C-alpha atoms as a PDB file:
ATOM      1  CA  ILE A   1     -46.615 -44.274 -35.270  1.00  0.00           C
ATOM      2  CA  ALA A   2     -49.818 -45.879 -36.659  1.00  0.00           C
ATOM      3  CA  GLY A   3     -49.463 -43.699 -39.993  1.00  0.00           C
ATOM      4  CA  TYR A   4     -52.999 -40.986 -39.169  1.00  0.00           C
ATOM      5  CA  SER A   5     -53.216 -37.868 -39.290  1.00  0.00           C
ATOM      6  CA  ASP A   6     -51.682 -35.251 -36.644  1.00  0.00           C
ATOM      7  CA  GLU A   7     -55.422 -33.836 -36.280  1.00  0.00           C
ATOM      8  CA  PHE A   8     -56.660 -37.011 -35.880  1.00  0.00           C
ATOM      9  CA  SER A   9     -54.223 -37.852 -33.303  1.00  0.00           C
ATOM     10  CA  GLU A  10     -55.487 -34.722 -32.103  1.00  0.00           C
ATOM     11  CA  ALA A  11     -59.110 -36.237 -32.030  1.00  0.00           C
ATOM     12  CA  ALA A  12     -58.312 -39.182 -30.299  1.00  0.00           C
ATOM     13  CA  GLY A  13     -56.169 -37.958 -27.259  1.00  0.00           C
ATOM     14  CA  LEU A  14     -59.500 -35.663 -27.218  1.00  0.00           C
ATOM     15  CA  PHE A  15     -61.164 -38.470 -27.023  1.00  0.00           C
ATOM     16  CA  GLY A  16     -59.313 -40.367 -24.600  1.00  0.00           C
ATOM     17  CA  ARG A  17     -59.703 -36.745 -22.435  1.00  0.00           C
ATOM     18  CA  HIS A  18     -63.259 -36.819 -21.999  1.00  0.00           C
ATOM     19  CA  VAL A  19     -64.146 -40.753 -22.235  1.00  0.00           C
ATOM     20  CA  GLY A  20     -61.850 -40.750 -18.726  1.00  0.00           C
ATOM     21  CA  ILE A  21     -63.538 -37.501 -16.882  1.00  0.00           C
ATOM     22  CA  ALA A  22     -66.995 -39.495 -17.941  1.00  0.00           C
ATOM     23  CA  TYR A  23     -65.828 -42.382 -16.248  1.00  0.00           C
ATOM     24  CA  GLN A  24     -64.161 -40.373 -13.519  1.00  0.00           C
ATOM     25  CA  ILE A  25     -67.526 -38.719 -13.245  1.00  0.00           C
ATOM     26  CA  PHE A  26     -69.096 -42.725 -13.349  1.00  0.00           C
ATOM     27  CA  ASP A  27     -66.847 -43.692 -10.729  1.00  0.00           C
ATOM     28  CA  ASP A  28     -67.597 -40.366  -8.019  1.00  0.00           C
ATOM     29  CA  LEU A  29     -71.456 -42.063  -8.924  1.00  0.00           C
ATOM     30  CA  VAL A  30     -70.464 -44.757  -7.901  1.00  0.00           C
ATOM     31  CA  ASP A  31     -68.901 -44.022  -4.754  1.00  0.00           C
ATOM     32  CA  LEU A  32     -71.889 -41.877  -3.597  1.00  0.00           C
ATOM     33  CA  TYR A  33     -74.593 -43.558  -5.105  1.00  0.00           C
ATOM     34  CA  ALA A  34     -74.452 -47.246  -5.899  1.00  0.00           C
ATOM     35  CA  ASP A  35     -75.606 -50.809  -3.967  1.00  0.00           C
ATOM     36  CA  GLU A  36     -72.207 -52.109  -2.912  1.00  0.00           C
ATOM     37  CA  SER A  37     -73.773 -55.748  -3.585  1.00  0.00           C
ATOM     38  CA  MET A  38     -74.249 -54.825  -7.334  1.00  0.00           C
ATOM     39  CA  ILE A  39     -70.856 -53.268  -8.212  1.00  0.00           C
ATOM     40  CA  GLY A  40     -68.638 -55.415  -5.758  1.00  0.00           C
ATOM     41  CA  LYS A  41     -66.469 -52.495  -4.123  1.00  0.00           C
ATOM     42  CA  THR A  42     -66.999 -50.566  -0.718  1.00  0.00           C
ATOM     43  CA  LEU A  43     -68.556 -47.286  -1.562  1.00  0.00           C
ATOM     44  CA  GLY A  44     -68.453 -43.929   0.092  1.00  0.00           C
ATOM     45  CA  THR A  45     -64.749 -44.128   0.623  1.00  0.00           C
ATOM     46  CA  ASP A  46     -64.456 -41.286  -1.401  1.00  0.00           C
ATOM     47  CA  LEU A  47     -65.038 -38.077   1.436  1.00  0.00           C
ATOM     48  CA  ASP A  48     -63.945 -40.511   4.190  1.00  0.00           C
ATOM     49  CA  LYS A  49     -60.289 -40.110   2.300  1.00  0.00           C
ATOM     50  CA  GLY A  50     -60.897 -36.654   1.663  1.00  0.00           C
ATOM     51  CA  LYS A  51     -61.834 -36.186  -1.884  1.00  0.00           C
ATOM     52  CA  PHE A  52     -64.760 -33.874  -2.761  1.00  0.00           C
ATOM     53  CA  THR A  53     -65.855 -35.374  -6.035  1.00  0.00           C
ATOM     54  CA  LEU A  54     -68.304 -33.303  -8.142  1.00  0.00           C
ATOM     55  CA  PRO A  55     -71.227 -34.677  -6.934  1.00  0.00           C
ATOM     56  CA  LEU A  56     -70.684 -33.379  -3.348  1.00  0.00           C
ATOM     57  CA  LEU A  57     -69.178 -30.368  -4.789  1.00  0.00           C
ATOM     58  CA  LEU A  58     -72.691 -29.613  -6.367  1.00  0.00           C
ATOM     59  CA  LEU A  59     -74.065 -30.516  -3.394  1.00  0.00           C
ATOM     60  CA  LEU A  60     -72.001 -27.922  -1.694  1.00  0.00           C
ATOM     61  CA  GLU A  61     -73.791 -24.836  -3.896  1.00  0.00           C
ATOM     62  CA  LYS A  62     -76.822 -25.729  -3.218  1.00  0.00           C
ATOM     63  CA  LEU A  63     -76.629 -26.156   0.794  1.00  0.00           C
ATOM     64  CA  PRO A  64     -77.920 -23.275   2.733  1.00  0.00           C
ATOM     65  CA  GLU A  65     -74.487 -20.962   4.033  1.00  0.00           C
ATOM     66  CA  GLU A  66     -75.068 -21.885   7.812  1.00  0.00           C
ATOM     67  CA  GLU A  67     -75.062 -25.858   7.068  1.00  0.00           C
ATOM     68  CA  ARG A  68     -72.043 -26.089   4.532  1.00  0.00           C
ATOM     69  CA  ASP A  69     -69.997 -24.089   6.874  1.00  0.00           C
ATOM     70  CA  SER A  70     -71.071 -25.990   9.916  1.00  0.00           C
ATOM     71  CA  LEU A  71     -70.350 -29.487   7.742  1.00  0.00           C
ATOM     72  CA  MET A  72     -66.721 -28.453   6.572  1.00  0.00           C
ATOM     73  CA  ALA A  73     -66.214 -27.280   9.914  1.00  0.00           C
ATOM     74  CA  ARG A  74     -66.695 -30.963  11.060  1.00  0.00           C
ATOM     75  CA  PHE A  75     -64.956 -32.486   8.293  1.00  0.00           C
ATOM     76  CA  LYS A  76     -61.839 -30.249   8.647  1.00  0.00           C
ATOM     77  CA  ALA A  77     -62.377 -31.377  12.573  1.00  0.00           C
ATOM     78  CA  GLY A  78     -62.191 -35.283  11.776  1.00  0.00           C
ATOM     79  CA  ASP A  79     -65.559 -36.530  12.774  1.00  0.00           C
ATOM     80  CA  LYS A  80     -65.941 -39.495  10.948  1.00  0.00           C
ATOM     81  CA  THR A  81     -69.865 -38.778  11.186  1.00  0.00           C
ATOM     82  CA  VAL A  82     -70.317 -36.018   8.878  1.00  0.00           C
ATOM     83  CA  SER A  83     -69.789 -38.250   5.105  1.00  0.00           C
ATOM     84  CA  GLY A  84     -72.703 -39.246   6.719  1.00  0.00           C
ATOM     85  CA  ASP A  85     -75.052 -36.656   6.369  1.00  0.00           C
ATOM     86  CA  PHE A  86     -72.961 -35.289   3.139  1.00  0.00           C
ATOM     87  CA  THR A  87     -74.904 -38.359   1.741  1.00  0.00           C
ATOM     88  CA  LYS A  88     -78.494 -38.204   3.294  1.00  0.00           C
ATOM     89  CA  ARG A  89     -78.362 -34.127   2.173  1.00  0.00           C
ATOM     90  CA  LEU A  90     -77.310 -35.448  -1.661  1.00  0.00           C
ATOM     91  CA  HIS A  91     -81.001 -36.708  -1.924  1.00  0.00           C
ATOM     92  CA  ASP A  92     -82.311 -33.720  -0.983  1.00  0.00           C
ATOM     93  CA  PHE A  93     -81.084 -31.996  -4.226  1.00  0.00           C
ATOM     94  CA  PRO A  94     -80.852 -33.024  -7.589  1.00  0.00           C
ATOM     95  CA  ILE A  95     -77.476 -33.575  -7.694  1.00  0.00           C
ATOM     96  CA  PHE A  96     -77.879 -36.651  -9.314  1.00  0.00           C
ATOM     97  CA  GLU A  97     -79.418 -35.955 -12.225  1.00  0.00           C
ATOM     98  CA  GLU A  98     -76.835 -32.999 -12.630  1.00  0.00           C
ATOM     99  CA  VAL A  99     -73.348 -35.090 -12.531  1.00  0.00           C
ATOM    100  CA  VAL A 100     -75.333 -37.275 -15.306  1.00  0.00           C
ATOM    101  CA  ALA A 101     -75.825 -34.633 -17.479  1.00  0.00           C
ATOM    102  CA  THR A 102     -72.601 -33.980 -17.374  1.00  0.00           C
ATOM    103  CA  PHE A 103     -71.294 -37.459 -17.698  1.00  0.00           C
ATOM    104  CA  GLU A 104     -73.498 -37.048 -20.954  1.00  0.00           C
ATOM    105  CA  ALA A 105     -71.925 -33.988 -22.063  1.00  0.00           C
ATOM    106  CA  GLU A 106     -68.034 -35.205 -21.598  1.00  0.00           C
ATOM    107  CA  LEU A 107     -69.533 -38.640 -23.981  1.00  0.00           C
ATOM    108  CA  THR A 108     -71.195 -36.269 -26.448  1.00  0.00           C
ATOM    109  CA  LYS A 109     -67.800 -33.867 -26.413  1.00  0.00           C
ATOM    110  CA  ALA A 110     -65.532 -37.459 -26.672  1.00  0.00           C
ATOM    111  CA  THR A 111     -67.478 -39.063 -29.865  1.00  0.00           C
ATOM    112  CA  ALA A 112     -67.804 -35.566 -31.539  1.00  0.00           C
ATOM    113  CA  ALA A 113     -63.895 -35.184 -31.230  1.00  0.00           C
ATOM    114  CA  VAL A 114     -63.685 -38.373 -33.151  1.00  0.00           C
ATOM    115  CA  ALA A 115     -67.108 -37.844 -36.014  1.00  0.00           C
ATOM    116  CA  PRO A 116     -65.134 -36.419 -38.858  1.00  0.00           C
ATOM    117  CA  PHE A 117     -62.908 -39.609 -38.635  1.00  0.00           C
ATOM    118  CA  SER A 118     -65.639 -41.971 -39.019  1.00  0.00           C
ATOM    119  CA  GLU A 119     -64.109 -43.888 -41.995  1.00  0.00           C
ATOM    120  CA  LEU A 120     -60.829 -44.334 -40.044  1.00  0.00           C
ATOM    121  CA  ALA A 121     -60.489 -48.335 -38.635  1.00  0.00           C
ATOM    122  CA  PRO A 122     -59.726 -46.922 -35.042  1.00  0.00           C
ATOM    123  CA  VAL A 123     -63.456 -44.768 -34.348  1.00  0.00           C
ATOM    124  CA  ASP A 124     -65.637 -47.189 -34.706  1.00  0.00           C
ATOM    125  CA  ALA A 125     -64.303 -49.141 -31.407  1.00  0.00           C
ATOM    126  CA  MET A 126     -63.539 -45.515 -30.006  1.00  0.00           C
ATOM    127  CA  GLN A 127     -67.317 -45.276 -30.143  1.00  0.00           C
ATOM    128  CA  LYS A 128     -67.461 -48.660 -28.995  1.00  0.00           C
ATOM    129  CA  ILE A 129     -65.710 -47.638 -26.171  1.00  0.00           C
ATOM    130  CA  ALA A 130     -67.895 -44.419 -25.605  1.00  0.00           C
ATOM    131  CA  GLU A 131     -70.884 -46.017 -25.585  1.00  0.00           C
ATOM    132  CA  LEU A 132     -69.567 -48.812 -23.002  1.00  0.00           C
ATOM    133  CA  VAL A 133     -68.755 -46.549 -20.496  1.00  0.00           C
ATOM    134  CA  ARG A 134     -71.895 -44.920 -21.466  1.00  0.00           C
ATOM    135  CA  ALA A 135     -73.588 -48.258 -20.750  1.00  0.00           C
ATOM    136  CA  GLN A 136     -72.458 -48.351 -16.839  1.00  0.00           C
ATOM    137  CA  LEU A 137     -74.637 -46.369 -15.997  1.00  0.00           C
ATOM    138  CA  GLY A 138     -77.424 -48.283 -15.789  1.00  0.00           C
ATOM    139  CA  ARG A 139     -75.429 -49.753 -12.925  1.00  0.00           C
ATOM    140  CA  ILE A 140     -76.499 -47.536 -10.645  1.00  0.00           C
ATOM    141  CA  GLN A 141     -79.391 -46.226 -11.669  1.00  0.00           C
END
């Protein structure tokens, strides 16, 4: 509709996909690592709702098998105290750093997707959107 090429439209779609993934990763980090007073929303709710986000999935990969199985059994049984145990264990591994690396990789893919079209008017605004998402990470570091 805007008159851009199919190639740019595809690149813009990839940009949106990767920025969206990065923002979801940011939201996952916020839920587990941020301070509620700084963010302005209730945190720690993903696991309580049964959502295993990237940080929790990475944690499960790193835990000893017996501990992982025990935590998962408690989770499946509806033990409300298990979320606190998951959260405590997150700090025993470099989970935050790994998730931030994935976040950064998604933003890099986003900006690279539209980089060949830098002469087009929307690209500057798109790059600024990516930087805005990147800057949000500073709210929890």
